[in-house]
């Protein structure tokens, strides 16, 4: 048996835009099912909300998104989750950083750190915190 863990982000009315943005950065295919498709009694003003959304790229990037309906409480909190992108190619990590940086708040600029030659943290325009770094061998 094998499993895959996928980061699943919750929004209120921004899931479609977030998925389009992440697809523009990482490539891959986008799949979206709306509230109208998934929930027959969805309110008309939330019919186009995302009930199930995903971006999946051939190189292994996958993220899911959902629009929480107004009938349910939603509070994104303060940094409730970090999405970590770790790879072995510094140029690829730098390219993802450049894409995610559009209208973002940089928390830690992309650069060398004590454990890796390249590390950075930012909060994107949707309020999602991303950590990017180059994977290195750890010594015990």
N, C-alpha and C. Protein backbone atom coordinates (compact mmCIF):
# COMPACT_ATOMS: atom_id res chain seq x y z
N UNK A 1 0.84 -1.18 0.00
CA UNK A 1 0.00 0.00 0.00
C UNK A 1 0.88 1.24 0.00
N UNK A 2 0.48 2.25 -0.76
CA UNK A 2 1.16 3.53 -0.73
C UNK A 2 0.13 4.62 -0.51
N UNK A 3 0.57 5.73 0.04
CA UNK A 3 -0.31 6.88 0.23
C UNK A 3 0.41 8.12 -0.27
N UNK A 4 -0.34 9.16 -0.51
CA UNK A 4 0.19 10.46 -0.87
C UNK A 4 -0.43 11.49 0.06
N UNK A 5 0.38 12.36 0.59
CA UNK A 5 -0.12 13.45 1.42
C UNK A 5 -0.18 14.71 0.56
N UNK A 6 -1.31 15.38 0.57
CA UNK A 6 -1.49 16.58 -0.24
C UNK A 6 -1.97 17.71 0.66
N UNK A 7 -1.34 18.86 0.54
CA UNK A 7 -1.79 20.04 1.28
C UNK A 7 -3.14 20.46 0.73
N UNK A 8 -4.09 20.67 1.62
CA UNK A 8 -5.46 21.06 1.25
C UNK A 8 -5.74 22.40 1.91
N UNK A 9 -5.92 23.43 1.11
CA UNK A 9 -6.11 24.79 1.62
C UNK A 9 -7.58 25.18 1.57
N UNK A 10 -8.03 25.88 2.59
CA UNK A 10 -9.40 26.37 2.65
C UNK A 10 -9.42 27.88 2.44
N UNK A 11 -10.43 28.32 1.70
CA UNK A 11 -10.61 29.74 1.40
C UNK A 11 -12.09 30.07 1.55
N UNK A 12 -12.42 31.31 1.33
CA UNK A 12 -13.82 31.71 1.23
C UNK A 12 -13.94 32.56 -0.03
N UNK A 13 -14.24 31.88 -1.12
CA UNK A 13 -14.44 32.56 -2.39
C UNK A 13 -13.19 32.84 -3.20
N UNK A 14 -12.01 32.41 -2.73
CA UNK A 14 -10.77 32.66 -3.46
C UNK A 14 -10.08 31.39 -3.96
N UNK A 15 -10.67 30.23 -3.75
CA UNK A 15 -10.01 28.97 -4.10
C UNK A 15 -9.70 28.90 -5.60
N UNK A 16 -10.63 29.31 -6.45
CA UNK A 16 -10.41 29.24 -7.90
C UNK A 16 -9.22 30.11 -8.30
N UNK A 17 -9.17 31.33 -7.79
CA UNK A 17 -8.05 32.23 -8.10
C UNK A 17 -6.74 31.67 -7.57
N UNK A 18 -6.77 31.10 -6.38
CA UNK A 18 -5.55 30.53 -5.79
C UNK A 18 -5.05 29.36 -6.63
N UNK A 19 -5.95 28.48 -7.05
CA UNK A 19 -5.55 27.33 -7.88
C UNK A 19 -4.97 27.80 -9.21
N UNK A 20 -5.58 28.81 -9.82
CA UNK A 20 -5.05 29.33 -11.09
C UNK A 20 -3.66 29.90 -10.89
N UNK A 21 -3.47 30.61 -9.79
CA UNK A 21 -2.15 31.18 -9.49
C UNK A 21 -1.11 30.08 -9.29
N UNK A 22 -1.42 29.07 -8.47
CA UNK A 22 -0.47 27.99 -8.21
C UNK A 22 -0.17 27.21 -9.50
N UNK A 23 -1.17 27.04 -10.36
CA UNK A 23 -0.94 26.37 -11.64
C UNK A 23 0.00 27.21 -12.50
N UNK A 24 -0.11 28.54 -12.43
CA UNK A 24 0.78 29.40 -13.23
C UNK A 24 2.23 29.31 -12.74
N UNK A 25 2.42 29.02 -11.46
CA UNK A 25 3.76 28.91 -10.89
C UNK A 25 4.35 27.52 -11.12
N UNK A 26 3.58 26.47 -10.85
CA UNK A 26 4.10 25.11 -10.85
C UNK A 26 3.73 24.30 -12.10
N UNK A 27 2.83 24.82 -12.94
CA UNK A 27 2.39 24.07 -14.10
C UNK A 27 1.44 22.96 -13.70
N UNK A 28 1.14 22.08 -14.64
CA UNK A 28 0.27 20.96 -14.35
C UNK A 28 -1.17 21.22 -14.76
N UNK A 29 -2.02 20.32 -14.33
CA UNK A 29 -3.44 20.36 -14.68
C UNK A 29 -4.27 20.80 -13.48
N UNK A 30 -5.31 21.56 -13.77
CA UNK A 30 -6.25 22.01 -12.74
C UNK A 30 -7.56 21.26 -12.91
N UNK A 31 -8.13 20.81 -11.81
CA UNK A 31 -9.43 20.17 -11.80
C UNK A 31 -10.28 20.89 -10.76
N UNK A 32 -11.48 21.27 -11.15
CA UNK A 32 -12.38 21.98 -10.22
C UNK A 32 -13.79 21.42 -10.35
N UNK A 33 -14.40 21.14 -9.21
CA UNK A 33 -15.83 20.85 -9.12
C UNK A 33 -16.43 21.95 -8.25
N UNK A 34 -17.50 22.54 -8.71
CA UNK A 34 -18.13 23.66 -7.99
C UNK A 34 -19.10 23.18 -6.92
N UNK A 35 -19.50 24.11 -6.08
CA UNK A 35 -20.53 23.80 -5.08
C UNK A 35 -21.82 23.36 -5.78
N UNK A 36 -22.18 24.02 -6.89
CA UNK A 36 -23.40 23.65 -7.61
C UNK A 36 -23.34 22.21 -8.11
N UNK A 37 -22.15 21.77 -8.52
CA UNK A 37 -22.00 20.40 -9.00
C UNK A 37 -22.02 19.39 -7.85
N UNK A 38 -21.46 19.76 -6.72
CA UNK A 38 -21.31 18.82 -5.61
C UNK A 38 -22.47 18.84 -4.63
N UNK A 39 -23.09 19.99 -4.48
CA UNK A 39 -24.14 20.15 -3.47
C UNK A 39 -25.39 20.70 -4.16
N UNK A 40 -26.39 19.87 -4.37
CA UNK A 40 -27.58 20.31 -5.11
C UNK A 40 -28.29 21.51 -4.48
N UNK A 41 -28.17 21.69 -3.17
CA UNK A 41 -28.87 22.79 -2.49
C UNK A 41 -27.96 23.99 -2.23
N UNK A 42 -26.86 24.11 -2.96
CA UNK A 42 -25.93 25.22 -2.75
C UNK A 42 -26.64 26.54 -3.04
N UNK A 43 -26.42 27.55 -2.18
CA UNK A 43 -27.01 28.86 -2.44
C UNK A 43 -26.51 29.42 -3.78
N UNK A 44 -27.35 30.14 -4.48
CA UNK A 44 -27.00 30.67 -5.80
C UNK A 44 -25.74 31.52 -5.76
N UNK A 45 -25.56 32.30 -4.69
CA UNK A 45 -24.38 33.18 -4.62
C UNK A 45 -23.09 32.41 -4.33
N UNK A 46 -23.17 31.10 -4.05
CA UNK A 46 -21.99 30.28 -3.82
C UNK A 46 -21.90 29.13 -4.83
N UNK A 47 -22.73 29.16 -5.85
CA UNK A 47 -22.77 28.08 -6.84
C UNK A 47 -21.42 27.86 -7.52
N UNK A 48 -20.68 28.93 -7.77
CA UNK A 48 -19.38 28.82 -8.44
C UNK A 48 -18.22 28.62 -7.48
N UNK A 49 -18.49 28.58 -6.18
CA UNK A 49 -17.44 28.29 -5.20
C UNK A 49 -16.84 26.92 -5.52
N UNK A 50 -15.60 26.72 -5.13
CA UNK A 50 -14.91 25.45 -5.36
C UNK A 50 -15.24 24.47 -4.23
N UNK A 51 -15.84 23.34 -4.60
CA UNK A 51 -16.10 22.27 -3.63
C UNK A 51 -14.91 21.32 -3.57
N UNK A 52 -14.30 21.09 -4.72
CA UNK A 52 -13.11 20.25 -4.80
C UNK A 52 -12.25 20.81 -5.92
N UNK A 53 -11.05 21.24 -5.57
CA UNK A 53 -10.14 21.77 -6.57
C UNK A 53 -8.75 21.23 -6.34
N UNK A 54 -8.03 21.04 -7.43
CA UNK A 54 -6.68 20.49 -7.32
C UNK A 54 -5.83 20.96 -8.48
N UNK A 55 -4.56 21.18 -8.20
CA UNK A 55 -3.54 21.35 -9.23
C UNK A 55 -2.54 20.23 -9.01
N UNK A 56 -2.22 19.53 -10.09
CA UNK A 56 -1.24 18.44 -10.02
C UNK A 56 -0.32 18.55 -11.22
N UNK A 57 1.00 18.59 -10.95
CA UNK A 57 1.96 18.69 -12.04
C UNK A 57 2.72 17.38 -12.22
N UNK A 58 3.28 17.16 -13.39
CA UNK A 58 4.01 15.91 -13.64
C UNK A 58 5.25 15.73 -12.76
N UNK A 59 5.79 16.85 -12.23
CA UNK A 59 7.00 16.72 -11.41
C UNK A 59 6.70 16.46 -9.94
N UNK A 60 5.41 16.25 -9.60
CA UNK A 60 5.07 15.85 -8.24
C UNK A 60 4.37 16.90 -7.40
N UNK A 61 4.25 18.14 -7.88
CA UNK A 61 3.53 19.16 -7.11
C UNK A 61 2.05 18.85 -7.13
N UNK A 62 1.42 18.93 -5.96
CA UNK A 62 -0.02 18.74 -5.85
C UNK A 62 -0.53 19.58 -4.69
N UNK A 63 -1.61 20.30 -4.95
CA UNK A 63 -2.26 21.07 -3.89
C UNK A 63 -3.76 21.04 -4.15
N UNK A 64 -4.53 21.04 -3.08
CA UNK A 64 -5.98 21.04 -3.18
C UNK A 64 -6.52 22.32 -2.53
N UNK A 65 -7.73 22.72 -2.95
CA UNK A 65 -8.34 23.92 -2.39
C UNK A 65 -9.86 23.75 -2.34
N UNK A 66 -10.46 24.49 -1.42
CA UNK A 66 -11.90 24.40 -1.14
C UNK A 66 -12.37 25.77 -0.68
N UNK A 67 -13.58 26.16 -1.12
CA UNK A 67 -14.21 27.38 -0.62
C UNK A 67 -15.21 26.99 0.46
N UNK A 68 -14.95 27.41 1.68
CA UNK A 68 -15.83 27.14 2.81
C UNK A 68 -17.10 27.97 2.62
N UNK A 69 -18.28 27.34 2.64
CA UNK A 69 -19.52 28.11 2.47
C UNK A 69 -19.80 29.02 3.66
N UNK A 70 -20.56 30.06 3.41
CA UNK A 70 -20.87 31.05 4.45
C UNK A 70 -21.62 30.43 5.62
N UNK A 71 -22.32 29.33 5.41
CA UNK A 71 -23.06 28.67 6.49
C UNK A 71 -22.14 28.01 7.51
N UNK A 72 -20.86 27.84 7.16
CA UNK A 72 -19.89 27.21 8.06
C UNK A 72 -18.90 28.26 8.54
N UNK A 73 -18.46 28.16 9.79
CA UNK A 73 -17.46 29.11 10.27
C UNK A 73 -16.14 28.93 9.53
N UNK A 74 -15.46 30.04 9.31
CA UNK A 74 -14.16 30.00 8.65
C UNK A 74 -13.28 31.10 9.21
N UNK A 75 -12.14 30.71 9.71
CA UNK A 75 -11.15 31.65 10.20
C UNK A 75 -9.79 31.12 9.79
N UNK A 76 -9.11 31.81 8.84
CA UNK A 76 -7.82 31.29 8.39
C UNK A 76 -6.74 31.32 9.44
N UNK A 77 -6.98 32.02 10.55
CA UNK A 77 -5.99 32.05 11.63
C UNK A 77 -4.71 32.75 11.24
N UNK A 78 -3.71 32.59 12.06
CA UNK A 78 -2.40 33.19 11.81
C UNK A 78 -1.43 32.06 11.51
N UNK A 79 -0.99 31.97 10.28
CA UNK A 79 -0.05 30.93 9.83
C UNK A 79 -0.45 29.54 10.32
N UNK A 80 -1.70 29.10 10.02
CA UNK A 80 -2.13 27.79 10.50
C UNK A 80 -1.44 26.64 9.79
N UNK A 81 -0.84 26.89 8.64
CA UNK A 81 -0.17 25.84 7.90
C UNK A 81 0.91 26.48 7.02
N UNK A 82 2.01 25.79 6.85
CA UNK A 82 3.03 26.18 5.88
C UNK A 82 3.00 25.14 4.78
N UNK A 83 3.14 25.57 3.55
CA UNK A 83 3.32 24.66 2.44
C UNK A 83 4.81 24.65 2.14
N UNK A 84 5.42 23.48 2.20
CA UNK A 84 6.86 23.34 2.00
C UNK A 84 7.15 22.79 0.62
N UNK A 85 8.00 23.50 -0.12
CA UNK A 85 8.48 23.04 -1.42
C UNK A 85 9.97 22.79 -1.27
N UNK A 86 10.36 21.55 -1.40
CA UNK A 86 11.77 21.17 -1.24
C UNK A 86 12.18 20.42 -2.50
N UNK A 87 13.30 20.84 -3.06
CA UNK A 87 13.80 20.18 -4.27
C UNK A 87 15.31 20.15 -4.27
N UNK A 88 15.87 19.51 -5.25
CA UNK A 88 17.32 19.38 -5.33
C UNK A 88 17.95 20.37 -6.30
N UNK A 89 17.15 21.07 -7.06
CA UNK A 89 17.65 21.98 -8.09
C UNK A 89 17.41 23.43 -7.65
N UNK A 90 18.49 24.14 -7.36
CA UNK A 90 18.38 25.53 -6.88
C UNK A 90 17.70 26.43 -7.90
N UNK A 91 17.94 26.20 -9.19
CA UNK A 91 17.30 27.02 -10.22
C UNK A 91 15.79 26.82 -10.22
N UNK A 92 15.36 25.58 -10.03
CA UNK A 92 13.93 25.29 -9.98
C UNK A 92 13.29 25.94 -8.75
N UNK A 93 13.93 25.82 -7.60
CA UNK A 93 13.42 26.45 -6.38
C UNK A 93 13.36 27.96 -6.57
N UNK A 94 14.36 28.54 -7.17
CA UNK A 94 14.38 29.99 -7.43
C UNK A 94 13.24 30.39 -8.37
N UNK A 95 12.97 29.58 -9.37
CA UNK A 95 11.87 29.87 -10.30
C UNK A 95 10.52 29.85 -9.57
N UNK A 96 10.31 28.85 -8.72
CA UNK A 96 9.07 28.81 -7.95
C UNK A 96 8.96 30.02 -7.02
N UNK A 97 10.07 30.39 -6.39
CA UNK A 97 10.09 31.55 -5.51
C UNK A 97 9.66 32.80 -6.27
N UNK A 98 10.23 32.98 -7.45
CA UNK A 98 9.89 34.16 -8.27
C UNK A 98 8.40 34.18 -8.57
N UNK A 99 7.84 33.04 -8.93
CA UNK A 99 6.42 32.98 -9.23
C UNK A 99 5.55 33.27 -8.03
N UNK A 100 5.86 32.65 -6.90
CA UNK A 100 5.06 32.86 -5.69
C UNK A 100 5.22 34.26 -5.11
N UNK A 101 6.29 34.94 -5.44
CA UNK A 101 6.58 36.26 -4.87
C UNK A 101 5.66 37.37 -5.36
N UNK A 102 4.92 37.12 -6.44
CA UNK A 102 4.03 38.15 -6.98
C UNK A 102 3.04 38.60 -5.91
N UNK A 103 3.11 39.85 -5.52
CA UNK A 103 2.21 40.45 -4.51
C UNK A 103 2.30 39.75 -3.15
N UNK A 104 3.43 39.13 -2.86
CA UNK A 104 3.62 38.40 -1.59
C UNK A 104 4.33 39.28 -0.56
N UNK A 105 4.26 38.84 0.69
CA UNK A 105 5.03 39.43 1.77
C UNK A 105 6.17 38.47 2.07
N UNK A 106 7.39 38.93 1.86
CA UNK A 106 8.55 38.08 2.10
C UNK A 106 8.84 38.08 3.60
N UNK A 107 8.87 36.90 4.18
CA UNK A 107 9.16 36.73 5.61
C UNK A 107 10.65 36.51 5.80
N UNK A 108 11.24 35.67 4.95
CA UNK A 108 12.67 35.40 4.95
C UNK A 108 13.11 35.36 3.49
N UNK A 109 13.94 36.31 3.06
CA UNK A 109 14.36 36.32 1.65
C UNK A 109 15.04 35.00 1.27
N UNK A 110 14.88 34.62 0.02
CA UNK A 110 15.51 33.41 -0.49
C UNK A 110 17.03 33.60 -0.52
N UNK A 111 17.73 32.72 0.18
CA UNK A 111 19.18 32.82 0.24
C UNK A 111 19.75 31.70 1.09
N UNK A 112 21.07 31.72 1.28
CA UNK A 112 21.71 30.67 2.09
C UNK A 112 21.25 30.72 3.54
N UNK A 113 21.20 29.54 4.17
CA UNK A 113 20.87 29.47 5.59
C UNK A 113 21.85 28.49 6.24
N UNK A 114 21.68 28.27 7.52
CA UNK A 114 22.58 27.40 8.25
C UNK A 114 22.50 25.94 7.87
N UNK A 115 21.39 25.50 7.25
CA UNK A 115 21.24 24.08 6.94
C UNK A 115 21.11 23.78 5.45
N UNK A 116 21.02 24.81 4.63
CA UNK A 116 20.83 24.59 3.19
C UNK A 116 21.38 25.77 2.40
N UNK A 117 21.79 25.52 1.18
CA UNK A 117 22.31 26.63 0.38
C UNK A 117 21.24 27.62 -0.08
N UNK A 118 19.96 27.23 0.04
CA UNK A 118 18.89 28.11 -0.43
C UNK A 118 17.63 27.86 0.39
N UNK A 119 17.14 28.91 1.04
CA UNK A 119 15.93 28.81 1.86
C UNK A 119 15.22 30.16 1.83
N UNK A 120 13.90 30.13 1.84
CA UNK A 120 13.12 31.36 1.93
C UNK A 120 11.71 31.07 2.39
N UNK A 121 11.05 32.10 2.93
CA UNK A 121 9.67 31.96 3.39
C UNK A 121 8.92 33.22 2.98
N UNK A 122 7.69 33.02 2.48
CA UNK A 122 6.85 34.16 2.12
C UNK A 122 5.39 33.83 2.36
N UNK A 123 4.59 34.88 2.47
CA UNK A 123 3.14 34.73 2.55
C UNK A 123 2.59 35.26 1.24
N UNK A 124 1.93 34.39 0.47
CA UNK A 124 1.44 34.81 -0.84
C UNK A 124 0.21 35.70 -0.73
N UNK A 125 -0.26 36.17 -1.85
CA UNK A 125 -1.37 37.14 -1.87
C UNK A 125 -2.67 36.56 -1.34
N UNK A 126 -2.73 35.24 -1.15
CA UNK A 126 -3.91 34.59 -0.59
C UNK A 126 -3.77 34.31 0.90
N UNK A 127 -2.63 34.74 1.49
CA UNK A 127 -2.40 34.55 2.91
C UNK A 127 -1.79 33.21 3.27
N UNK A 128 -1.35 32.43 2.27
CA UNK A 128 -0.75 31.12 2.50
C UNK A 128 0.76 31.29 2.65
N UNK A 129 1.32 30.70 3.70
CA UNK A 129 2.76 30.79 3.95
C UNK A 129 3.46 29.61 3.27
N UNK A 130 4.46 29.95 2.46
CA UNK A 130 5.25 28.97 1.72
C UNK A 130 6.68 28.98 2.22
N UNK A 131 7.26 27.78 2.37
CA UNK A 131 8.66 27.60 2.74
C UNK A 131 9.31 26.86 1.57
N UNK A 132 10.35 27.44 1.00
CA UNK A 132 11.05 26.81 -0.11
C UNK A 132 12.50 26.61 0.26
N UNK A 133 13.03 25.43 -0.07
CA UNK A 133 14.45 25.21 0.19
C UNK A 133 15.01 24.10 -0.69
N UNK A 134 16.32 24.07 -0.74
CA UNK A 134 17.02 23.02 -1.47
C UNK A 134 17.33 21.91 -0.47
N UNK A 135 16.95 20.69 -0.82
CA UNK A 135 17.18 19.54 0.05
C UNK A 135 18.67 19.20 0.09
N UNK A 136 19.15 18.94 1.28
CA UNK A 136 20.55 18.52 1.46
C UNK A 136 20.56 17.28 2.35
N UNK A 137 21.64 16.53 2.28
CA UNK A 137 21.79 15.35 3.13
C UNK A 137 22.00 15.80 4.57
N UNK A 138 21.30 15.20 5.48
CA UNK A 138 21.45 15.52 6.90
C UNK A 138 22.42 14.55 7.54
N UNK A 139 23.21 15.07 8.45
CA UNK A 139 24.14 14.20 9.19
C UNK A 139 23.62 14.03 10.60
N UNK A 140 23.73 12.83 11.11
CA UNK A 140 23.22 12.53 12.44
C UNK A 140 24.20 12.90 13.52
